[in-house]
Each structure stands twice: as C-alpha cells, then as structure tokens.
Amino acid sequence: MFESVIFGIQEPEATINKIAPKDEKLKVTLGSQMLRKPEESCSTSITQSVTTIPTLDGLPWYKWWIQSQLKGQPKELFASLPEFDIESKEVLGGPFSNLWNEISRLITGNHETSIDEVSQLLLNDDTISGGAESSSCHGVKQLVFCIIGWQTMLYRPDPFSSPPTELCIADETDGYRSQAQMCLKQSLTACKRRIPDFLMGFGVMLPPPNYCASESLEEKKAFDQLVTVDVTAFNAHLLTTIGGLTIHWIDSLACHMEFDVDTKSLYLFRYPSFCAARLPGQAMSGREGSVLHCCAKKNAIYNTWATSSDVTQLLKEVILSYRLLFGQDAKSCRLFRKLKPFDGIPAEGKDTLLSDLCGRQTHDLALATQRDIYRLRRDFPMLRSRLTRLVAYLERKRPRTWRELWVDKRDSASWLTFWAVIMIGGMGLVLGLLQVILQIVQIVYKV
C-alpha cells in the first residue's frame, strides 16, 4: 500500500527520474559536473541524474510528524481502537497501521466516498469497534477525519476543541481567515458529503487554476493585470526588507503562501518532500493515486475546486515556489540560512529538502523548471492568486531608509540613476568644500 510504508510494509522501488532533455537551455547539477549556459538561455531546469525523488521510505520526518500528532491527541480519540496504546513506542504499528491502510484503500478505491461511508465500512468489517450509540459513531468519524488530515497534510485536525457534534481544524494562520481556512469548524452532519465537498466547508483548500476568490476590487485588478514575475524584483529578501514581512513556517499544505497584510505575515509550508513524494509515479502516490489526489473533483466543471491533475500541478508549484522565494537569489539564500523553519523540532523531524531548495542556488531535483521571469498563467496557475497579492503588495512599497534605498534594485535603471546623482552630487559638494577651504587658506597666508 502507498500509505503503509511508514509502518514498515515494503513499497515497489521508485523509478529513477529521467534526466532533462538535451535541449534544455540550462542544466544545474551538483558535484564536479560543469555548469553550461548557452547565450540564449533564460531558464533553468532543476534536474537530477542518478538520485531518485524521495519516497515515503526516505521521509523519516513524516513518521516522526505522525507520531507527534498522535501523541498530542486525547486518548478519547482512539476509543474505537481498544488495542491501541498511545504511550507505546510502536505507536504506528498494530491496529493503527491497519486502520491507516484501510482508510487509504477505501478512499482511493472510491473517489465519490464520504467520511460517513468510510466510517460505516470500517465498522462493518470490524477494523474498528463501536456501538450503536451516537457518541461512538461520532468518535469514529472524528478519527477518520483526523487520519485524512494527517494523510493529506491539508489541515491539522483539532478534535475535541469544540462540541462533540463538530469537527475542527487547527488555526495555522494565527487568527487570519485565509482562502484555505475561511472557517475552522463544521457540523458532523457534513460528513455525509463527498470528501471534496466536505473539505470545501472549511475553505478553498485545493483551488482550481487561475482562480481568484478575493472580493477586493484592487486585488482582482492586480490579478487580471499582473502577467509576469521577475526573480530580481520579487524574492524573500525584498519581501522581508522592503516589505517588512515576517515568515511563519506551518504544517498545513493548504495554507502555503497565504499572506496576512494586516500583520505582514507570510505562511510557508515547511515539508516540500511531502509534495515531491506525492507526485504521480512515486511510491507514496500509489497506483490508484494518493488520498490527497482523491480529495479533488473528478472533472473541471466545478470552478471552485481542483481536479486530480490540478493537485499534481499544485504540488509542483509549491516546490518551485521555494526556488522563487529563496533559491534563485543569493541574498534570499543567506536569509533562509538565518531562519529557523524547524525551531524546537528534533533532527528526525526536519525535512532536508527544504534547506536544499531554499539554501542553495543550484539544485539537482527534476521537479520543476526555473526561469528568470515567470509567467503566472503558465508557471503558477494554482498559486497565482496568492503570488499576485504578494507581488502587488511589494510593488506598492517604497524604500524609506538609506539601507532600503541601497537594497531596492527592483528598477535597476532608477537605482543606477539615483545613486549616480548622489555620487556625482556628493563629489561636487566635496570639491566645492575643498575649494572654499583652499581659498580660506590662501587668504590667511596673504594676511
């Protein structure tokens, strides 16, 4: 099973990724390989030659993360798993492993299913135990809801923080009601809906391509007018210095690149290897698709939710967004090395791919295509709305200090003109001052 690798069950080996085509305009590889760039090149391909995209077997942080999520839950959540011991060292084995795998099988086997249906099937085949009491049924639904959240990382469940008749997710954005988390609670009665429709009750966790949910006329205008993004004019260094933004690292994939303009907070997902492992063809994705892909709509007639192919595109864009924000700018790379995305998290819970994508200007993973200038419709259709808000915000910002004036090179012509005037004018003032001093000295000697 594609989800079961975390519990020691073997997965088929992931196929080695193909090397980028020979006609790629720029290849960036590690080690002793040469960096070759034809004169006409304006794009970079993030490629790999011998290493494979990490699968769940290679994601030790994910096993640690699930364990930490489990141990942070009240024991009442696992009442339907009487043999499950949350204090056990092998918390991921035994009954929980069986439940995890069975939920994955049921969801990937029927894309039209609901939490109600999954819960009932689990009760019917005795995967979990429960009585006829409504409280028992509610507990089963809560547990299924939690496991779906952990399998997709779209949200972190927050069970029992609300009445037992409600399902609740953790607030990842510190009170800001983002597009992905418009609401943190909904009734258990919503479990009868298909999983995509149910998730939509919290917000647009999986937006369709080129979708703008904002009601602001200013943001809609920027969404329509902004066509390209230049890496020299938009990166994490400029966002934090000129824009004054603070970066917050979160565990929710759905809230990646959400931006709270009031608190100047940018929220970034800290586990990019989860996205890499979920791409089709990887062991974690599975032959029938991942649970994450099964949270999508089957077709594109719904213009407020992603399809399965859109989910794949979103995963690629999330990985590419780290390169846009950090990896393609030297100052942003240095900024990332000062950040602490895994502050308070032990070594086994850290995703090393994040530092590879953000802390180095070259990378060898064949997941996306770097460019000097990105076209939003082509390169970031899924994250277009969130990128547009950030770019528009940064464009409105103007430097206020001498340091910001020196750092702000978004308009290179204006930057050169300004500092040329300062230098020439400064030199003129110095020469004029020297001339006055010499004249005073001459008068003194004459006297």
Protein backbone atom coordinates (compact mmCIF):
# COMPACT_ATOMS: atom_id res chain seq x y z
CA MET A 1 0.00 0.00 0.00
CA PHE A 2 1.17 3.51 -0.84
CA GLU A 3 0.43 4.85 2.63
CA SER A 4 1.71 1.83 4.55
CA VAL A 5 5.44 2.34 4.09
CA ILE A 6 5.63 4.32 7.30
CA PHE A 7 4.70 1.18 9.15
CA GLY A 8 7.42 -0.98 7.62
CA ILE A 9 5.47 -2.51 4.72
CA GLN A 10 7.56 -2.59 1.58
CA GLU A 11 6.79 -0.42 -1.42
CA PRO A 12 7.90 -1.02 -5.01
CA GLU A 13 11.11 0.85 -5.70
CA ALA A 14 10.62 4.32 -7.12
CA THR A 15 11.78 4.70 -10.65
CA ILE A 16 14.79 6.84 -11.27
CA ASN A 17 13.80 10.17 -12.74
CA LYS A 18 14.70 10.87 -16.29
CA ILE A 19 17.41 13.36 -16.98
CA ALA A 20 16.18 16.57 -18.51
CA PRO A 21 16.11 16.62 -22.32
CA LYS A 22 19.30 17.64 -24.10
CA ASP A 23 17.71 20.77 -25.47
CA GLU A 24 17.15 22.23 -22.02
CA LYS A 25 18.52 25.76 -22.02
CA LEU A 26 20.34 25.39 -18.72
CA LYS A 27 21.29 22.41 -16.60
CA VAL A 28 22.24 22.81 -12.97
CA THR A 29 23.81 19.75 -11.35
CA LEU A 30 25.82 19.11 -8.24
CA GLY A 31 29.31 17.72 -7.74
CA SER A 32 32.04 18.07 -10.32
CA GLN A 33 29.71 18.45 -13.28
CA MET A 34 30.08 21.59 -15.34
CA LEU A 35 27.55 24.40 -15.39
CA ARG A 36 26.72 25.05 -19.02
CA LYS A 37 24.66 28.02 -20.14
CA PRO A 38 24.19 28.99 -23.80
CA GLU A 39 23.96 32.68 -24.52
CA GLU A 40 20.30 32.50 -25.40
CA SER A 41 19.38 30.81 -22.14
CA CYS A 42 16.78 32.40 -19.90
CA SER A 43 15.54 29.36 -17.94
CA THR A 44 16.95 26.74 -15.61
CA SER A 45 15.90 23.11 -15.24
CA ILE A 46 16.15 21.64 -11.76
CA THR A 47 17.38 18.17 -12.69
CA GLN A 48 18.84 15.06 -11.20
CA SER A 49 20.86 12.35 -12.89
CA VAL A 50 21.27 9.45 -10.51
CA THR A 51 19.35 10.28 -7.34
CA THR A 52 15.67 9.50 -7.00
CA ILE A 53 12.83 11.64 -5.81
CA PRO A 54 12.37 10.83 -2.12
CA THR A 55 9.58 8.35 -1.37
CA LEU A 56 7.89 7.76 1.94
CA ASP A 57 10.69 5.30 2.80
CA GLY A 58 13.04 8.26 2.64
CA LEU A 59 10.90 10.60 4.72
CA PRO A 60 11.85 9.95 8.33
CA TRP A 61 10.40 13.31 9.32
CA TYR A 62 6.93 12.12 8.22
CA LYS A 63 7.00 9.15 10.58
CA TRP A 64 8.14 11.46 13.39
CA TRP A 65 5.47 14.01 12.45
CA ILE A 66 2.64 11.47 12.57
CA GLN A 67 3.87 10.16 15.90
CA SER A 68 3.96 13.68 17.31
CA GLN A 69 0.43 14.33 16.05
CA LEU A 70 -0.85 11.12 17.61
CA LYS A 71 0.75 11.76 20.97
CA GLY A 72 -0.73 15.23 21.05
CA GLN A 73 -4.30 13.89 20.86
CA PRO A 74 -6.58 12.98 23.78
CA LYS A 75 -6.99 9.26 24.47
CA GLU A 76 -10.73 9.57 23.85
CA LEU A 77 -10.00 9.94 20.12
CA PHE A 78 -8.84 6.31 19.97
CA ALA A 79 -11.70 4.81 21.95
CA SER A 80 -12.72 2.78 18.86
CA LEU A 81 -9.24 1.16 18.83
CA PRO A 82 -9.21 -0.63 22.19
CA GLU A 83 -5.87 -2.35 21.49
CA PHE A 84 -4.15 0.90 20.55
CA ASP A 85 -1.78 2.27 23.18
CA ILE A 86 -0.84 5.89 22.58
CA GLU A 87 2.00 5.59 25.09
CA SER A 88 3.60 2.66 23.23
CA LYS A 89 6.94 3.13 21.50
CA GLU A 90 5.47 1.36 18.47
CA VAL A 91 2.53 3.72 18.28
CA LEU A 92 2.37 3.40 14.48
CA GLY A 93 2.13 -0.38 14.47
CA GLY A 94 -0.68 -2.84 15.06
CA PRO A 95 -4.28 -1.59 14.99
CA PHE A 96 -3.44 1.96 13.97
CA SER A 97 -1.43 0.68 11.00
CA ASN A 98 -4.37 -1.43 9.87
CA LEU A 99 -6.77 1.48 10.24
CA TRP A 100 -4.46 3.87 8.36
CA ASN A 101 -4.10 1.46 5.44
CA GLU A 102 -7.78 0.60 5.30
CA ILE A 103 -8.84 4.26 5.19
CA SER A 104 -6.36 4.82 2.35
CA ARG A 105 -7.74 1.83 0.45
CA LEU A 106 -11.36 2.87 0.87
CA ILE A 107 -10.78 6.45 -0.26
CA THR A 108 -8.56 5.67 -3.23
CA GLY A 109 -10.89 2.87 -4.29
CA ASN A 110 -13.92 5.15 -4.40
CA HIS A 111 -13.35 8.81 -5.24
CA GLU A 112 -17.02 9.55 -4.55
CA THR A 113 -16.95 8.37 -0.94
CA SER A 114 -17.62 10.35 2.23
CA ILE A 115 -16.44 10.23 5.84
CA ASP A 116 -19.81 8.70 6.78
CA GLU A 117 -19.38 5.87 4.25
CA VAL A 118 -15.77 5.20 5.23
CA SER A 119 -16.71 5.13 8.91
CA GLN A 120 -19.57 2.71 8.31
CA LEU A 121 -17.40 0.36 6.22
CA LEU A 122 -14.74 0.34 8.93
CA LEU A 123 -17.38 -0.59 11.49
CA ASN A 124 -18.85 -3.29 9.24
CA ASP A 125 -15.56 -5.12 8.72
CA ASP A 126 -14.52 -4.74 12.39
CA THR A 127 -11.44 -2.67 11.58
CA ILE A 128 -12.60 -0.50 14.45
CA SER A 129 -15.08 -1.19 17.21
CA GLY A 130 -18.10 0.90 18.01
CA GLY A 131 -21.58 0.55 19.36
CA ALA A 132 -24.90 1.80 18.16
CA GLU A 133 -24.67 4.84 20.39
CA SER A 134 -24.37 8.14 18.57
CA SER A 135 -21.36 9.07 20.70
CA SER A 136 -19.48 6.02 19.40
CA CYS A 137 -20.31 6.88 15.80
CA HIS A 138 -19.18 10.44 16.38
CA GLY A 139 -15.87 9.19 17.74
CA VAL A 140 -15.28 7.02 14.66
CA LYS A 141 -15.97 9.95 12.34
CA GLN A 142 -13.61 12.15 14.36
CA LEU A 143 -10.85 9.56 14.00
CA VAL A 144 -11.38 9.15 10.25
CA PHE A 145 -11.41 12.93 9.86
CA CYS A 146 -8.09 13.17 11.73
CA ILE A 147 -6.38 10.47 9.69
CA ILE A 148 -7.44 12.08 6.41
CA GLY A 149 -5.85 15.30 7.63
CA TRP A 150 -2.59 13.53 8.52
CA GLN A 151 -2.52 11.63 5.20
CA THR A 152 -3.06 14.73 3.06
CA MET A 153 -1.48 17.41 5.31
CA LEU A 154 -4.13 19.80 4.00
CA TYR A 155 -5.08 20.57 7.58
CA ARG A 156 -4.18 19.62 11.13
CA PRO A 157 -7.23 18.26 12.94
CA ASP A 158 -8.05 19.71 16.33
CA PRO A 159 -10.52 17.22 17.81
CA PHE A 160 -12.45 17.90 21.00
CA SER A 161 -11.61 21.62 20.96
CA SER A 162 -15.27 22.11 20.10
CA PRO A 163 -18.51 20.29 20.96
CA PRO A 164 -18.56 16.57 20.00
CA THR A 165 -21.05 17.31 17.24
CA GLU A 166 -18.49 19.44 15.37
CA LEU A 167 -15.27 18.81 13.50
CA CYS A 168 -12.48 21.33 13.99
CA ILE A 169 -9.13 22.09 12.37
CA ALA A 170 -6.16 23.90 13.91
CA ASP A 171 -5.69 27.59 13.17
CA GLU A 172 -2.47 27.68 11.12
CA THR A 173 -2.59 31.40 10.35
CA ASP A 174 -2.86 32.94 13.83
CA GLY A 175 -6.43 34.19 13.54
CA TYR A 176 -6.23 35.28 9.90
CA ARG A 177 -9.08 33.74 7.94
CA SER A 178 -7.35 32.87 4.72
CA GLN A 179 -8.74 31.49 1.49
CA ALA A 180 -7.83 27.97 2.61
CA GLN A 181 -9.23 28.36 6.12
CA MET A 182 -12.32 30.53 5.90
CA CYS A 183 -13.88 28.52 8.72
CA LEU A 184 -12.33 26.28 11.38
CA LYS A 185 -15.43 24.26 12.33
CA GLN A 186 -18.32 22.46 10.72
CA SER A 187 -21.02 20.11 11.87
CA LEU A 188 -20.67 16.33 11.88
CA THR A 189 -23.69 16.23 9.60
CA ALA A 190 -21.39 17.48 6.82
CA CYS A 191 -19.66 14.07 6.87
CA LYS A 192 -22.36 12.72 4.56
CA ARG A 193 -21.00 14.86 1.74
CA ARG A 194 -18.32 13.64 -0.62
CA ILE A 195 -14.87 14.38 0.74
CA PRO A 196 -14.11 17.31 -1.67
CA ASP A 197 -17.48 18.92 -0.83
CA PHE A 198 -16.88 18.34 2.87
CA LEU A 199 -13.43 19.95 2.78
CA MET A 200 -14.88 22.93 0.94
CA GLY A 201 -16.81 23.64 4.13
CA PHE A 202 -13.54 24.85 5.67
CA GLY A 203 -12.35 26.87 2.67
CA VAL A 204 -10.75 26.54 -0.74
CA MET A 205 -8.02 24.14 0.33
CA LEU A 206 -7.45 22.95 -3.23
CA PRO A 207 -8.11 25.91 -5.55
CA PRO A 208 -8.56 25.44 -9.30
CA PRO A 209 -6.08 27.03 -11.72
CA ASN A 210 -6.19 30.80 -12.27
CA TYR A 211 -8.80 31.27 -9.56
CA CYS A 212 -9.24 34.45 -7.54
CA ALA A 213 -11.59 34.26 -4.56
CA SER A 214 -10.92 37.78 -3.30
CA GLU A 215 -13.77 40.26 -3.15
CA SER A 216 -11.38 43.22 -3.18
CA LEU A 217 -11.58 45.19 -6.42
CA GLU A 218 -7.94 46.19 -6.03
CA GLU A 219 -6.81 42.57 -5.70
CA LYS A 220 -8.98 41.46 -8.63
CA LYS A 221 -7.48 44.21 -10.77
CA ALA A 222 -3.96 43.14 -9.84
CA PHE A 223 -4.88 39.51 -10.53
CA ASP A 224 -6.01 40.41 -14.06
CA GLN A 225 -3.17 42.80 -14.86
CA LEU A 226 -0.12 41.08 -13.40
CA VAL A 227 1.35 38.79 -16.07
CA THR A 228 4.95 38.04 -15.09
CA VAL A 229 7.18 37.86 -12.04
CA ASP A 230 10.87 38.75 -12.25
CA VAL A 231 13.07 36.95 -9.71
CA THR A 232 15.22 40.07 -9.32
CA ALA A 233 12.17 42.11 -8.28
CA PHE A 234 10.40 39.52 -6.16
CA ASN A 235 12.08 37.32 -3.57
CA ALA A 236 12.15 36.68 0.16
CA HIS A 237 14.95 39.19 0.74
CA LEU A 238 12.92 42.05 -0.73
CA LEU A 239 9.73 40.89 0.98
CA THR A 240 11.38 40.99 4.40
CA THR A 241 13.46 44.16 3.94
CA ILE A 242 11.36 46.43 1.72
CA GLY A 243 8.03 44.77 2.52
CA GLY A 244 8.68 44.22 6.22
CA LEU A 245 7.16 40.73 6.13
CA THR A 246 7.66 38.07 8.79
CA ILE A 247 7.84 34.46 7.60
CA HIS A 248 5.99 31.79 9.58
CA TRP A 249 6.56 28.08 8.92
CA ILE A 250 3.48 25.87 9.12
CA ASP A 251 2.40 22.22 8.77
CA SER A 252 -0.61 22.84 6.54
CA LEU A 253 -0.10 22.41 2.80
CA ALA A 254 -3.37 24.21 2.05
CA CYS A 255 -2.12 27.43 3.68
CA HIS A 256 1.17 27.62 1.79
CA MET A 257 1.91 31.21 0.71
CA GLU A 258 -1.11 32.69 2.46
CA PHE A 259 -0.44 36.34 3.30
CA ASP A 260 -1.96 38.41 6.10
CA VAL A 261 -1.47 42.03 5.06
CA ASP A 262 -2.54 43.41 8.45
CA THR A 263 0.16 41.62 10.43
CA LYS A 264 2.57 41.39 7.46
CA SER A 265 2.79 37.62 7.94
CA LEU A 266 3.68 35.17 5.19
CA TYR A 267 2.90 31.50 5.88
CA LEU A 268 5.01 28.79 4.22
CA PHE A 269 4.66 25.01 4.29
CA ARG A 270 7.83 23.51 5.77
CA TYR A 271 7.75 20.00 4.26
CA PRO A 272 8.39 20.16 0.47
CA SER A 273 9.46 16.50 0.26
CA PHE A 274 5.85 15.58 1.08
CA CYS A 275 4.88 17.27 -2.18
CA ALA A 276 7.68 15.52 -4.09
CA ALA A 277 6.66 12.11 -2.77
CA ARG A 278 3.01 12.71 -3.68
CA LEU A 279 3.71 13.33 -7.34
CA PRO A 280 2.33 10.62 -9.67
CA GLY A 281 4.77 7.78 -10.22
CA GLN A 282 6.23 7.95 -6.73
CA ALA A 283 5.72 5.17 -4.19
CA MET A 284 3.83 7.45 -1.85
CA SER A 285 1.36 8.30 -4.58
CA GLY A 286 0.40 4.70 -5.27
CA ARG A 287 -1.04 3.02 -8.30
CA GLU A 288 -4.54 4.38 -7.71
CA GLY A 289 -3.43 7.82 -6.65
CA SER A 290 -2.87 9.30 -3.23
CA VAL A 291 -5.56 10.24 -0.75
CA LEU A 292 -4.61 13.84 -1.48
CA HIS A 293 -5.46 13.40 -5.16
CA CYS A 294 -8.73 11.75 -4.17
CA CYS A 295 -9.72 14.96 -2.38
CA ALA A 296 -10.03 16.60 -5.80
CA LYS A 297 -13.08 16.81 -8.03
CA LYS A 298 -13.35 14.30 -10.86
CA ASN A 299 -13.80 16.93 -13.57
CA ALA A 300 -13.29 20.63 -14.17
CA ILE A 301 -16.93 21.70 -14.30
CA TYR A 302 -16.61 22.86 -10.68
CA ASN A 303 -14.76 26.15 -10.96
CA THR A 304 -14.02 26.50 -7.25
CA TRP A 305 -12.12 23.26 -6.60
CA ALA A 306 -9.14 21.48 -8.14
CA THR A 307 -9.16 18.31 -10.22
CA SER A 308 -6.66 15.48 -9.73
CA SER A 309 -4.35 16.88 -12.42
CA ASP A 310 -4.61 20.29 -10.75
CA VAL A 311 -3.41 18.74 -7.48
CA THR A 312 -0.32 17.43 -9.27
CA GLN A 313 0.30 20.90 -10.69
CA LEU A 314 -0.13 22.42 -7.22
CA LEU A 315 2.49 20.06 -5.75
CA LYS A 316 4.98 21.09 -8.44
CA GLU A 317 4.26 24.78 -7.89
CA VAL A 318 4.77 24.50 -4.14
CA ILE A 319 8.23 23.02 -4.77
CA LEU A 320 9.04 25.69 -7.36
CA SER A 321 7.84 28.47 -5.04
CA TYR A 322 10.74 27.80 -2.65
CA ARG A 323 13.15 28.43 -5.53
CA LEU A 324 11.35 31.63 -6.50
CA LEU A 325 11.31 32.96 -2.95
CA PHE A 326 14.77 31.85 -1.82
CA GLY A 327 16.85 29.67 -4.11
CA GLN A 328 17.28 31.96 -7.11
CA ASP A 329 18.62 34.95 -5.20
CA ALA A 330 21.90 34.95 -3.25
CA LYS A 331 20.66 37.30 -0.53
CA SER A 332 17.49 35.28 -0.08
CA CYS A 333 19.58 32.11 0.28
CA ARG A 334 21.57 33.78 3.03
CA LEU A 335 18.33 34.95 4.63
CA PHE A 336 16.99 31.38 4.71
CA ARG A 337 20.12 30.15 6.49
CA LYS A 338 19.32 32.61 9.29
CA LEU A 339 15.71 31.47 9.57
CA LYS A 340 14.67 28.59 11.79
CA PRO A 341 11.89 26.70 9.99
CA PHE A 342 12.28 23.72 12.35
CA ASP A 343 12.81 25.59 15.59
CA GLY A 344 12.03 23.29 18.50
CA ILE A 345 11.79 20.22 16.24
CA PRO A 346 14.33 17.37 16.67
CA ALA A 347 16.62 16.29 13.85
CA GLU A 348 14.40 13.35 12.86
CA GLY A 349 11.53 15.77 12.26
CA LYS A 350 13.39 18.04 9.84
CA ASP A 351 12.89 17.97 6.08
CA THR A 352 16.33 18.31 4.48
CA LEU A 353 14.82 19.06 1.07
CA LEU A 354 13.67 22.45 2.37
CA SER A 355 17.24 23.59 3.01
CA ASP A 356 18.32 22.18 -0.36
CA LEU A 357 15.64 24.12 -2.22
CA CYS A 358 15.97 27.36 -0.25
CA GLY A 359 19.59 27.48 0.85
CA ARG A 360 21.40 26.73 -2.40
CA GLN A 361 21.32 28.46 -5.76
CA THR A 362 21.79 25.18 -7.62
CA HIS A 363 19.70 22.07 -7.19
CA ASP A 364 19.56 18.65 -8.83
CA LEU A 365 15.95 17.50 -8.34
CA ALA A 366 13.98 17.05 -11.56
CA LEU A 367 10.69 18.53 -10.40
CA ALA A 368 10.28 21.94 -11.97
CA THR A 369 11.74 24.44 -14.41
CA GLN A 370 13.40 27.57 -13.12
CA ARG A 371 13.16 30.78 -15.09
CA ASP A 372 14.46 34.31 -14.74
CA ILE A 373 10.98 35.59 -15.49
CA TYR A 374 7.89 33.51 -14.67
CA ARG A 375 4.57 33.82 -16.47
CA LEU A 376 1.91 33.33 -13.82
CA ARG A 377 -0.68 31.64 -16.03
CA ARG A 378 1.88 29.14 -17.28
CA ASP A 379 4.17 28.56 -14.30
CA PHE A 380 1.96 29.26 -11.25
CA PRO A 381 -1.70 28.84 -12.23
CA MET A 382 -2.56 27.21 -8.90
CA LEU A 383 -0.72 29.72 -6.69
CA ARG A 384 -1.39 32.66 -8.97
CA SER A 385 -3.83 34.43 -6.66
CA ARG A 386 -1.51 34.25 -3.66
CA LEU A 387 1.54 35.30 -5.65
CA THR A 388 -0.38 38.21 -7.15
CA ARG A 389 -1.25 39.55 -3.68
CA LEU A 390 2.38 39.39 -2.60
CA VAL A 391 3.76 40.96 -5.78
CA ALA A 392 1.17 43.76 -5.72
CA TYR A 393 1.95 44.44 -2.05
CA LEU A 394 5.68 44.63 -2.74
CA GLU A 395 5.18 46.91 -5.75
CA ARG A 396 3.31 49.39 -3.57
CA LYS A 397 6.17 49.51 -1.07
CA ARG A 398 8.84 52.19 -1.42
CA PRO A 399 12.16 52.32 0.45
CA ARG A 400 12.22 54.69 3.44
CA THR A 401 15.78 54.42 4.72
CA TRP A 402 19.20 54.71 3.09
CA ARG A 403 19.72 50.99 3.60
CA GLU A 404 16.42 50.17 1.89
CA LEU A 405 17.34 52.52 -0.96
CA TRP A 406 20.58 50.61 -1.44
CA VAL A 407 18.89 47.19 -1.24
CA ASP A 408 15.96 48.01 -3.53
CA LYS A 409 17.17 47.18 -7.06
CA ARG A 410 13.78 46.26 -8.49
CA ASP A 411 14.09 49.09 -11.04
CA SER A 412 17.78 48.90 -11.96
CA ALA A 413 17.67 51.98 -14.21
CA SER A 414 16.17 54.16 -11.47
CA TRP A 415 18.54 52.65 -8.89
CA LEU A 416 21.60 53.47 -11.02
CA THR A 417 20.32 56.96 -11.80
CA PHE A 418 19.60 57.74 -8.15
CA TRP A 419 22.97 56.60 -6.86
CA ALA A 420 24.81 58.21 -9.78
CA VAL A 421 23.19 61.54 -8.90
CA ILE A 422 24.07 61.01 -5.23
CA MET A 423 27.69 60.18 -6.06
CA ILE A 424 28.19 62.96 -8.60
CA GLY A 425 26.37 65.46 -6.41
CA GLY A 426 28.36 64.31 -3.38
CA MET A 427 31.63 64.62 -5.23
CA GLY A 428 30.62 68.11 -6.39
CA LEU A 429 29.88 69.13 -2.79
CA VAL A 430 33.22 67.73 -1.60
CA LEU A 431 35.15 69.51 -4.35
CA GLY A 432 33.28 72.75 -3.64
CA LEU A 433 34.09 72.43 0.07
CA LEU A 434 37.76 71.79 -0.69
CA GLN A 435 37.84 74.85 -2.94
CA VAL A 436 36.39 77.02 -0.19
CA ILE A 437 38.93 75.66 2.29
CA LEU A 438 41.83 76.35 -0.10
CA GLN A 439 40.61 79.90 -0.66
CA ILE A 440 40.44 80.48 3.09
CA VAL A 441 43.99 79.11 3.46
CA GLN A 442 45.24 81.44 0.71
CA ILE A 443 43.63 84.46 2.36
CA VAL A 444 45.16 83.51 5.71
CA TYR A 445 48.65 83.25 4.20
CA LYS A 446 48.27 86.59 2.42
CA VAL A 447 47.33 88.24 5.68
